[in-house]
N, C-alpha and C. Protein backbone atom coordinates (compact mmCIF):
# COMPACT_ATOMS: atom_id res chain seq x y z
N LYS A 1 4.99 22.99 -25.96
CA LYS A 1 6.09 23.14 -24.78
C LYS A 1 5.31 22.93 -23.43
N TYR A 2 4.38 23.47 -23.10
CA TYR A 2 3.59 23.37 -21.95
C TYR A 2 3.43 22.03 -21.56
N LYS A 3 2.77 21.21 -22.49
CA LYS A 3 2.49 19.93 -22.33
C LYS A 3 3.52 19.03 -21.68
N ILE A 4 4.84 19.20 -22.61
CA ILE A 4 5.84 18.30 -22.15
C ILE A 4 6.11 18.91 -20.82
N PHE A 5 6.42 20.27 -20.58
CA PHE A 5 6.70 20.53 -19.23
C PHE A 5 5.87 20.03 -18.27
N ILE A 6 4.41 20.10 -18.28
CA ILE A 6 3.46 19.54 -17.15
C ILE A 6 3.77 18.00 -17.15
N LEU A 7 4.03 17.43 -18.30
CA LEU A 7 4.10 15.87 -18.33
C LEU A 7 5.40 15.45 -17.43
N CYS A 8 6.59 16.08 -17.73
CA CYS A 8 7.78 15.92 -16.93
C CYS A 8 7.50 16.34 -15.40
N LEU A 9 6.82 17.16 -15.33
CA LEU A 9 6.61 17.71 -13.81
C LEU A 9 5.71 16.56 -13.14
N LEU A 10 4.68 16.15 -13.76
CA LEU A 10 4.02 15.05 -13.35
C LEU A 10 4.78 13.95 -13.03
N ILE A 11 5.70 13.59 -13.94
CA ILE A 11 6.56 12.25 -13.61
C ILE A 11 7.30 12.57 -12.39
N ILE A 12 7.97 13.70 -12.23
CA ILE A 12 8.81 13.95 -11.16
C ILE A 12 8.04 13.91 -9.94
N ILE A 13 6.80 14.50 -10.08
CA ILE A 13 5.77 14.26 -8.75
C ILE A 13 5.71 12.81 -8.51
N VAL A 14 5.30 12.02 -9.34
CA VAL A 14 4.86 10.79 -9.16
C VAL A 14 6.03 9.96 -8.53
N PHE A 15 7.27 10.32 -9.00
CA PHE A 15 8.60 9.49 -8.32
C PHE A 15 8.69 10.20 -7.03
N ALA A 16 8.57 11.36 -6.95
CA ALA A 16 8.92 11.86 -5.48
C ALA A 16 7.84 11.41 -4.65
N VAL A 17 6.65 11.22 -4.80
CA VAL A 17 5.84 10.52 -4.07
C VAL A 17 5.90 9.15 -3.70
N MET A 18 6.35 8.34 -4.75
CA MET A 18 6.76 6.90 -4.74
C MET A 18 8.01 6.82 -3.70
N PHE A 19 8.88 7.64 -3.90
CA PHE A 19 10.26 7.60 -2.91
C PHE A 19 9.71 7.91 -1.53
N PHE A 20 8.82 8.94 -1.29
CA PHE A 20 8.65 9.24 0.16
C PHE A 20 7.54 8.43 0.76
N VAL A 21 6.74 7.98 -0.12
CA VAL A 21 5.59 7.14 0.72
C VAL A 21 6.08 5.60 0.61
N TYR A 22 6.66 5.02 -0.31
CA TYR A 22 6.88 3.83 -0.39
C TYR A 22 8.41 3.34 -0.18
N LEU A 23 9.24 3.80 -1.05
CA LEU A 23 10.95 3.75 -0.81
C LEU A 23 11.41 3.80 0.31
N LEU A 24 11.41 5.16 0.80
CA LEU A 24 11.90 5.45 2.16
C LEU A 24 11.39 4.67 3.41
N PRO A 25 10.16 4.45 3.54
CA PRO A 25 9.98 3.82 4.58
C PRO A 25 10.32 2.16 4.49
N LEU A 26 10.42 1.52 3.30
CA LEU A 26 10.69 0.36 3.00
C LEU A 26 12.36 0.34 3.35
N MET A 27 13.11 1.18 3.02
CA MET A 27 14.53 1.18 3.30
C MET A 27 14.79 1.51 4.84
N GLU A 28 13.87 2.15 5.51
CA GLU A 28 13.93 2.27 7.08
C GLU A 28 13.91 0.93 7.48
N THR A 29 12.63 0.30 7.04
CA THR A 29 12.34 -0.92 7.77
C THR A 29 13.45 -2.21 7.57
N GLN A 30 14.10 -2.14 6.55
CA GLN A 30 15.16 -2.93 6.17
C GLN A 30 16.39 -2.51 7.27
N TYR A 31 16.46 -1.35 7.16
CA TYR A 31 17.81 -0.96 8.08
C TYR A 31 17.57 -1.48 9.61
N VAL A 32 16.27 -1.19 9.93
CA VAL A 32 16.08 -1.68 11.33
C VAL A 32 16.21 -3.20 11.54
N GLU A 33 15.55 -3.65 10.56
CA GLU A 33 15.62 -5.26 10.51
C GLU A 33 17.13 -5.81 10.88
N LYS A 34 17.74 -5.18 10.06
CA LYS A 34 19.34 -5.45 9.97
C LYS A 34 20.00 -5.42 11.29
N LYS A 35 19.70 -4.23 11.95
CA LYS A 35 20.24 -3.72 13.13
C LYS A 35 19.61 -4.80 14.24
N ARG A 36 18.21 -5.07 14.27
CA ARG A 36 17.91 -6.02 15.02
C ARG A 36 18.47 -7.31 14.92
N GLU A 37 18.90 -7.69 13.67
CA GLU A 37 19.54 -9.19 13.52
C GLU A 37 20.94 -8.93 14.27
N LYS A 38 21.54 -7.88 14.13
CA LYS A 38 22.91 -7.37 14.60
C LYS A 38 22.90 -7.66 16.21
N ILE A 39 21.94 -7.02 16.97
CA ILE A 39 21.68 -7.14 18.37
C ILE A 39 21.60 -8.45 18.67
N LYS A 40 20.74 -9.30 18.16
CA LYS A 40 20.36 -10.57 18.50
C LYS A 40 21.55 -11.57 18.27
N ASP A 41 22.52 -11.26 17.33
CA ASP A 41 23.72 -11.94 17.19
C ASP A 41 24.55 -11.60 18.19
N LEU A 42 24.80 -10.41 18.68
CA LEU A 42 25.68 -9.91 19.68
C LEU A 42 25.15 -10.52 21.01
N VAL A 43 24.01 -10.52 21.41
CA VAL A 43 23.64 -11.23 22.62
C VAL A 43 23.65 -12.71 22.67
N GLY A 44 23.43 -13.46 21.42
CA GLY A 44 23.75 -14.68 21.31
C GLY A 44 25.19 -15.09 21.40
N MET A 45 26.26 -14.24 21.15
CA MET A 45 27.57 -14.39 21.13
C MET A 45 28.00 -14.39 22.54
N SER A 46 27.44 -13.29 23.27
CA SER A 46 27.81 -12.87 24.58
C SER A 46 27.36 -13.86 25.37
N VAL A 47 26.05 -14.50 25.42
CA VAL A 47 25.66 -15.72 26.01
C VAL A 47 26.54 -16.87 25.86
N GLY A 48 27.02 -17.10 24.75
CA GLY A 48 27.82 -18.13 24.31
C GLY A 48 29.27 -17.94 25.11
N LEU A 49 29.72 -16.79 25.14
CA LEU A 49 30.93 -16.34 26.00
C LEU A 49 30.66 -16.66 27.50
N VAL A 50 29.68 -16.46 27.80
CA VAL A 50 29.37 -16.73 29.37
C VAL A 50 29.35 -18.12 29.67
N ALA A 51 28.92 -18.99 28.63
CA ALA A 51 28.92 -20.13 28.64
C ALA A 51 30.09 -20.79 28.80
N ASP A 52 31.11 -20.28 27.82
CA ASP A 52 32.42 -20.80 27.73
C ASP A 52 33.10 -20.36 29.06
N ILE A 53 32.90 -19.36 29.63
CA ILE A 53 33.80 -19.08 30.64
C ILE A 53 33.08 -20.01 32.03
N ASP A 54 32.05 -20.21 31.98
CA ASP A 54 31.27 -21.05 32.89
C ASP A 54 32.11 -22.40 32.81
N LYS A 55 32.02 -23.11 31.57
CA LYS A 55 32.75 -24.25 31.36
C LYS A 55 34.32 -24.32 31.75
N LYS A 56 34.91 -23.27 31.32
CA LYS A 56 36.14 -23.44 31.41
C LYS A 56 36.66 -23.26 33.06
N TYR A 57 35.77 -22.18 33.78
CA TYR A 57 36.55 -21.94 35.18
C TYR A 57 35.85 -22.82 35.97
N THR A 58 34.50 -23.24 35.69
CA THR A 58 33.84 -24.15 36.61
C THR A 58 34.58 -25.58 36.63
N GLY A 59 34.72 -26.01 35.51
CA GLY A 59 35.69 -27.12 35.14
C GLY A 59 37.06 -27.07 35.95
N ALA A 60 37.73 -26.01 35.97
CA ALA A 60 38.98 -25.84 36.70
C ALA A 60 38.96 -25.95 38.12
N GLY A 61 37.69 -25.87 38.65
CA GLY A 61 37.49 -25.92 40.02
C GLY A 61 37.34 -24.52 40.80
N LEU A 62 37.07 -23.49 40.06
CA LEU A 62 36.99 -22.27 40.54
C LEU A 62 35.52 -22.29 41.27
N PRO A 63 35.19 -21.40 42.48
CA PRO A 63 33.87 -21.22 42.98
C PRO A 63 32.96 -20.55 42.01
N LEU A 64 31.80 -20.71 42.03
CA LEU A 64 30.74 -20.12 41.03
C LEU A 64 30.89 -18.62 41.33
N GLU A 65 30.97 -18.02 42.48
CA GLU A 65 30.98 -16.57 42.51
C GLU A 65 32.20 -15.92 41.91
N GLU A 66 33.19 -16.67 41.77
CA GLU A 66 34.56 -16.20 41.01
C GLU A 66 34.38 -16.27 39.57
N VAL A 67 33.61 -17.31 39.25
CA VAL A 67 33.47 -17.44 37.62
C VAL A 67 32.55 -16.67 37.18
N GLN A 68 31.39 -16.12 38.07
CA GLN A 68 30.49 -15.14 37.64
C GLN A 68 31.34 -13.72 37.60
N LYS A 69 31.99 -13.54 38.21
CA LYS A 69 32.70 -12.29 38.51
C LYS A 69 33.67 -12.05 37.18
N ILE A 70 34.23 -13.21 36.63
CA ILE A 70 35.07 -13.15 35.50
C ILE A 70 34.04 -12.73 34.25
N ALA A 71 33.07 -13.60 34.36
CA ALA A 71 31.83 -13.32 33.20
C ALA A 71 31.57 -11.95 33.22
N ILE A 72 31.19 -11.43 34.16
CA ILE A 72 30.70 -10.04 34.47
C ILE A 72 31.74 -9.01 33.89
N ASP A 73 32.98 -9.37 34.22
CA ASP A 73 34.10 -8.36 33.86
C ASP A 73 34.20 -8.38 32.38
N HIS A 74 34.23 -9.59 31.79
CA HIS A 74 33.94 -9.53 30.13
C HIS A 74 32.97 -8.98 29.78
N ILE A 75 31.60 -9.05 30.37
CA ILE A 75 30.62 -8.60 29.59
C ILE A 75 30.66 -7.01 29.59
N ASN A 76 31.04 -6.50 31.02
CA ASN A 76 31.17 -5.19 31.04
C ASN A 76 32.14 -4.42 30.31
N ASN A 77 33.06 -5.24 29.80
CA ASN A 77 34.13 -4.33 28.83
C ASN A 77 33.97 -4.53 27.58
N LEU A 78 32.73 -5.29 27.01
CA LEU A 78 32.27 -5.37 25.67
C LEU A 78 31.92 -3.96 25.20
N ARG A 79 32.21 -3.49 24.11
CA ARG A 79 31.51 -2.41 23.51
C ARG A 79 31.50 -2.68 22.10
N TYR A 80 30.78 -2.02 21.16
CA TYR A 80 30.71 -2.08 19.89
C TYR A 80 29.97 -0.71 19.34
N GLY A 81 29.91 -0.84 18.00
CA GLY A 81 29.20 0.48 17.39
C GLY A 81 30.34 1.54 17.13
N ASN A 82 29.86 2.36 16.40
CA ASN A 82 30.70 3.39 15.63
C ASN A 82 31.65 4.04 16.69
N ASP A 83 31.04 4.41 17.56
CA ASP A 83 31.84 5.19 18.68
C ASP A 83 32.18 4.22 19.74
N GLY A 84 32.02 3.08 19.71
CA GLY A 84 32.53 2.19 20.92
C GLY A 84 31.72 2.51 22.17
N LYS A 85 30.62 2.94 21.96
CA LYS A 85 29.68 3.11 23.42
C LYS A 85 28.48 2.19 23.44
N ASP A 86 28.33 1.36 22.46
CA ASP A 86 26.98 0.58 22.81
C ASP A 86 27.64 -0.53 23.43
N TYR A 87 26.80 -1.32 24.40
CA TYR A 87 27.18 -2.13 25.30
C TYR A 87 26.08 -3.24 25.78
N LEU A 88 26.48 -4.03 26.43
CA LEU A 88 25.57 -5.17 27.01
C LEU A 88 25.47 -4.97 28.31
N TRP A 89 24.11 -5.56 29.02
CA TRP A 89 24.12 -5.45 30.44
C TRP A 89 23.66 -6.94 30.81
N ILE A 90 23.78 -7.02 32.25
CA ILE A 90 23.14 -8.25 32.70
C ILE A 90 22.19 -8.06 33.91
N ASN A 91 20.97 -8.75 33.71
CA ASN A 91 20.11 -8.56 34.89
C ASN A 91 19.73 -10.12 35.27
N ASP A 92 18.91 -10.33 36.37
CA ASP A 92 18.48 -11.76 36.52
C ASP A 92 17.03 -11.76 36.49
N PHE A 93 16.34 -13.08 36.82
CA PHE A 93 14.82 -13.22 36.55
C PHE A 93 14.03 -12.40 37.66
N GLN A 94 14.61 -12.06 38.67
CA GLN A 94 13.74 -11.56 39.91
C GLN A 94 13.10 -10.31 39.24
N PRO A 95 13.31 -9.37 38.66
CA PRO A 95 14.62 -8.97 38.08
C PRO A 95 15.51 -8.03 38.83
N LYS A 96 16.72 -8.28 39.08
CA LYS A 96 17.61 -7.46 39.78
C LYS A 96 18.88 -7.28 38.74
N MET A 97 19.30 -6.09 38.70
CA MET A 97 20.47 -5.60 37.72
C MET A 97 21.78 -6.08 38.35
N ILE A 98 22.39 -6.98 37.48
CA ILE A 98 23.61 -7.61 38.05
C ILE A 98 24.80 -6.58 37.42
N MET A 99 24.78 -6.15 36.05
CA MET A 99 25.65 -5.08 35.71
C MET A 99 25.15 -4.47 34.65
N HIS A 100 25.43 -2.98 34.74
CA HIS A 100 25.03 -2.23 33.79
C HIS A 100 26.29 -1.23 33.75
N PRO A 101 26.76 -0.91 32.54
CA PRO A 101 27.91 -0.48 32.45
C PRO A 101 27.94 1.28 32.69
N TYR A 102 26.78 1.75 32.23
CA TYR A 102 26.34 3.16 32.34
C TYR A 102 25.81 3.86 33.58
N VAL A 103 24.89 2.84 33.77
CA VAL A 103 23.88 3.19 35.01
C VAL A 103 24.26 2.31 36.12
N VAL A 104 25.47 2.58 36.62
CA VAL A 104 26.13 1.84 37.53
C VAL A 104 25.08 1.62 39.01
N GLU A 105 24.53 3.03 39.23
CA GLU A 105 23.61 2.80 40.37
C GLU A 105 22.47 2.03 40.33
N LEU A 106 22.03 1.15 39.19
CA LEU A 106 21.28 0.09 39.04
C LEU A 106 21.92 -1.30 39.56
N ASN A 107 23.36 -1.17 39.59
CA ASN A 107 23.91 -2.63 39.88
C ASN A 107 23.44 -3.02 41.25
N GLY A 108 22.90 -4.05 41.36
CA GLY A 108 22.45 -4.89 42.73
C GLY A 108 21.04 -4.60 43.03
N LYS A 109 20.44 -3.46 42.50
CA LYS A 109 19.01 -3.15 42.65
C LYS A 109 17.88 -3.88 42.16
N ASP A 110 16.92 -4.12 42.89
CA ASP A 110 15.71 -4.78 42.45
C ASP A 110 15.10 -3.92 41.40
N LEU A 111 14.76 -4.32 40.40
CA LEU A 111 14.13 -3.68 39.25
C LEU A 111 12.74 -3.83 39.00
N ASN A 112 11.89 -4.59 40.11
CA ASN A 112 10.39 -4.59 39.85
C ASN A 112 9.73 -3.46 39.60
N ASP A 113 10.14 -2.41 40.24
CA ASP A 113 9.32 -0.96 40.33
C ASP A 113 10.09 -0.23 39.30
N TYR A 114 11.11 -0.64 38.62
CA TYR A 114 11.77 0.40 37.83
C TYR A 114 11.04 0.65 36.30
N LYS A 115 10.68 1.84 36.24
CA LYS A 115 9.87 2.18 34.93
C LYS A 115 10.37 3.02 33.93
N ASP A 116 10.16 3.03 32.64
CA ASP A 116 10.43 4.14 31.99
C ASP A 116 9.36 5.33 32.11
N ARG A 117 9.81 6.24 31.26
CA ARG A 117 9.00 7.48 31.42
C ARG A 117 7.52 7.64 30.95
N ARG A 118 7.24 6.33 30.30
CA ARG A 118 5.84 6.01 30.02
C ARG A 118 5.32 4.93 30.89
N GLY A 119 5.87 4.67 31.93
CA GLY A 119 5.38 3.92 33.01
C GLY A 119 5.42 2.27 32.80
N LYS A 120 6.56 1.92 31.71
CA LYS A 120 6.43 0.69 31.38
C LYS A 120 7.43 0.05 31.96
N ALA A 121 7.30 -1.09 32.86
CA ALA A 121 8.21 -1.92 33.72
C ALA A 121 8.83 -2.99 32.66
N PHE A 122 9.79 -2.38 32.02
CA PHE A 122 10.42 -3.18 30.92
C PHE A 122 11.38 -4.15 31.44
N PHE A 123 12.00 -4.34 32.58
CA PHE A 123 12.80 -5.18 33.12
C PHE A 123 11.93 -6.27 33.56
N VAL A 124 10.99 -6.09 33.97
CA VAL A 124 9.97 -7.08 34.26
C VAL A 124 9.37 -8.04 33.09
N GLU A 125 9.14 -7.13 32.12
CA GLU A 125 8.75 -7.75 30.81
C GLU A 125 9.90 -8.49 30.25
N MET A 126 11.20 -7.99 30.36
CA MET A 126 12.20 -8.60 30.07
C MET A 126 12.36 -10.24 30.74
N ALA A 127 12.27 -10.08 31.87
CA ALA A 127 12.42 -11.20 32.60
C ALA A 127 11.17 -12.37 32.38
N ASP A 128 9.84 -11.81 32.30
CA ASP A 128 8.90 -12.48 31.81
C ASP A 128 9.22 -13.19 30.42
N LEU A 129 9.62 -12.53 29.60
CA LEU A 129 9.80 -12.89 28.09
C LEU A 129 10.69 -14.15 28.18
N CYS A 130 11.86 -13.99 29.01
CA CYS A 130 12.89 -14.91 28.93
C CYS A 130 12.67 -16.00 29.69
N LYS A 131 11.54 -15.95 30.56
CA LYS A 131 10.95 -17.09 31.42
C LYS A 131 10.32 -18.08 30.58
N LYS A 132 9.29 -17.20 29.65
CA LYS A 132 8.54 -18.07 28.73
C LYS A 132 9.18 -18.51 27.51
N ASN A 133 9.94 -17.73 26.73
CA ASN A 133 10.54 -17.91 25.59
C ASN A 133 12.13 -18.14 25.47
N GLY A 134 12.65 -17.72 26.64
CA GLY A 134 14.28 -17.70 26.41
C GLY A 134 14.85 -16.53 25.99
N GLN A 135 14.20 -15.86 25.16
CA GLN A 135 14.85 -14.77 24.61
C GLN A 135 13.70 -13.83 23.91
N GLY A 136 13.98 -12.69 23.41
CA GLY A 136 12.94 -11.64 22.41
C GLY A 136 13.31 -10.17 22.45
N PHE A 137 12.75 -9.49 21.90
CA PHE A 137 12.71 -8.15 21.71
C PHE A 137 11.69 -7.34 22.76
N VAL A 138 12.33 -6.27 23.37
CA VAL A 138 11.33 -5.61 24.21
C VAL A 138 11.47 -4.10 23.83
N GLU A 139 10.64 -3.19 23.69
CA GLU A 139 10.75 -1.79 23.31
C GLU A 139 10.19 -0.90 24.56
N TYR A 140 11.20 0.10 24.74
CA TYR A 140 10.84 0.93 25.89
C TYR A 140 11.68 2.16 25.76
N MET A 141 11.53 3.13 26.75
CA MET A 141 12.37 4.40 26.63
C MET A 141 13.54 4.38 27.67
N TRP A 142 14.69 4.72 27.30
CA TRP A 142 15.99 4.66 27.95
C TRP A 142 16.81 5.72 27.68
N GLN A 143 17.69 5.99 28.58
CA GLN A 143 18.55 7.07 28.14
C GLN A 143 19.59 6.76 26.93
N TYR A 144 20.07 7.83 26.22
CA TYR A 144 20.86 7.48 25.09
C TYR A 144 22.23 7.31 25.36
N LEU A 145 22.92 6.02 25.22
CA LEU A 145 24.07 5.69 25.63
C LEU A 145 24.65 6.23 26.99
N ASP A 146 25.46 7.06 27.02
CA ASP A 146 25.97 7.51 28.59
C ASP A 146 25.20 8.94 28.74
N GLN A 147 24.38 9.53 27.98
CA GLN A 147 23.88 10.78 27.99
C GLN A 147 22.51 10.68 29.02
N LYS A 148 22.55 10.78 30.14
CA LYS A 148 21.60 10.77 31.30
C LYS A 148 20.41 11.69 30.88
N ASP A 149 20.59 12.84 30.47
CA ASP A 149 19.58 13.72 29.99
C ASP A 149 18.72 13.67 28.87
N LYS A 150 19.07 12.43 27.90
CA LYS A 150 18.50 12.20 26.58
C LYS A 150 17.85 10.89 26.84
N VAL A 151 16.64 11.06 26.99
CA VAL A 151 15.91 9.46 26.92
C VAL A 151 15.08 9.49 25.66
N VAL A 152 15.30 8.05 24.86
CA VAL A 152 14.86 7.99 23.65
C VAL A 152 14.10 6.65 23.50
N PRO A 153 13.14 6.41 22.54
CA PRO A 153 12.96 5.01 22.37
C PRO A 153 13.95 4.21 22.13
N LYS A 154 14.01 2.64 22.51
CA LYS A 154 14.96 1.77 22.55
C LYS A 154 14.40 0.58 22.22
N ILE A 155 14.83 -0.26 21.38
CA ILE A 155 14.29 -1.72 21.21
C ILE A 155 15.68 -2.41 21.64
N SER A 156 15.39 -3.47 22.70
CA SER A 156 16.57 -4.37 23.08
C SER A 156 16.03 -5.78 22.91
N TYR A 157 17.21 -6.49 22.53
CA TYR A 157 17.10 -7.92 22.73
C TYR A 157 17.79 -8.65 23.87
N VAL A 158 16.96 -9.50 24.47
CA VAL A 158 17.27 -10.21 25.78
C VAL A 158 17.45 -11.62 25.58
N LYS A 159 18.31 -12.42 25.99
CA LYS A 159 18.53 -13.77 26.07
C LYS A 159 18.87 -14.12 27.49
N ALA A 160 18.21 -15.45 28.02
CA ALA A 160 18.66 -16.03 29.11
C ALA A 160 19.79 -16.90 29.08
N TYR A 161 20.48 -16.91 30.09
CA TYR A 161 21.67 -17.84 30.33
C TYR A 161 21.06 -18.59 31.59
N LYS A 162 20.33 -19.70 31.30
CA LYS A 162 19.49 -20.32 32.33
C LYS A 162 20.51 -20.93 33.41
N PRO A 163 21.66 -21.57 33.12
CA PRO A 163 22.13 -22.26 34.28
C PRO A 163 22.52 -21.11 35.58
N TRP A 164 22.58 -19.90 35.13
CA TRP A 164 23.04 -18.86 36.10
C TRP A 164 21.72 -17.94 36.42
N ASN A 165 20.66 -18.40 35.72
CA ASN A 165 19.32 -17.37 35.99
C ASN A 165 19.58 -15.75 35.60
N TRP A 166 20.70 -15.87 34.55
CA TRP A 166 20.87 -14.57 33.95
C TRP A 166 20.28 -14.30 32.70
N ILE A 167 20.03 -12.92 32.52
CA ILE A 167 19.49 -12.31 31.26
C ILE A 167 20.54 -11.35 30.63
N LEU A 168 21.05 -11.63 29.50
CA LEU A 168 21.92 -10.51 28.99
C LEU A 168 21.23 -9.72 27.78
N GLY A 169 21.62 -8.43 27.65
CA GLY A 169 20.69 -7.82 26.71
C GLY A 169 21.61 -6.72 26.12
N THR A 170 21.26 -6.23 24.99
CA THR A 170 21.98 -5.12 24.43
C THR A 170 20.71 -4.43 23.69
N GLY A 171 20.69 -3.14 23.01
CA GLY A 171 19.51 -2.60 22.37
C GLY A 171 20.16 -1.64 21.15
N LEU A 172 18.96 -1.07 20.42
CA LEU A 172 19.47 0.03 19.36
C LEU A 172 18.36 1.11 19.58
N TYR A 173 18.85 2.31 19.48
CA TYR A 173 17.98 3.46 19.67
C TYR A 173 17.29 3.83 18.27
């Protein structure tokens, strides 16, 4: 009786260890990778939307400033996610914030000296990454959605729209 009980207990312990040491981290990695692909696709589609707006309205003879305002309005109103609170933002290569839907006090501001709580100048890193590769992922600390008092790790994907020297981005917490 005791040998069977001990053998069953050992089997349960081995499965539990495998689950927590191997399977759970593997599932988390796969989940994060799927989310990374999702935000990459969202930014790619948003850059495509800006390109379409550029082509349509510039071709119709509207001044560039008006066309850019139309694009900013479109991107500013885009929301996704379960609560509809996930968003995109636009900055440029300087870097200067063109549009952020939640941290509106950054709009129009120079971001060269803007750093997260760990001292990382992530907007500068985003601009450098887009200058070099046109796109990519950046990790940093940021407020959680519209909650200014809650700062958490964030991974963002950014992509350049080079005709306007814009960088569009979104991220996951």
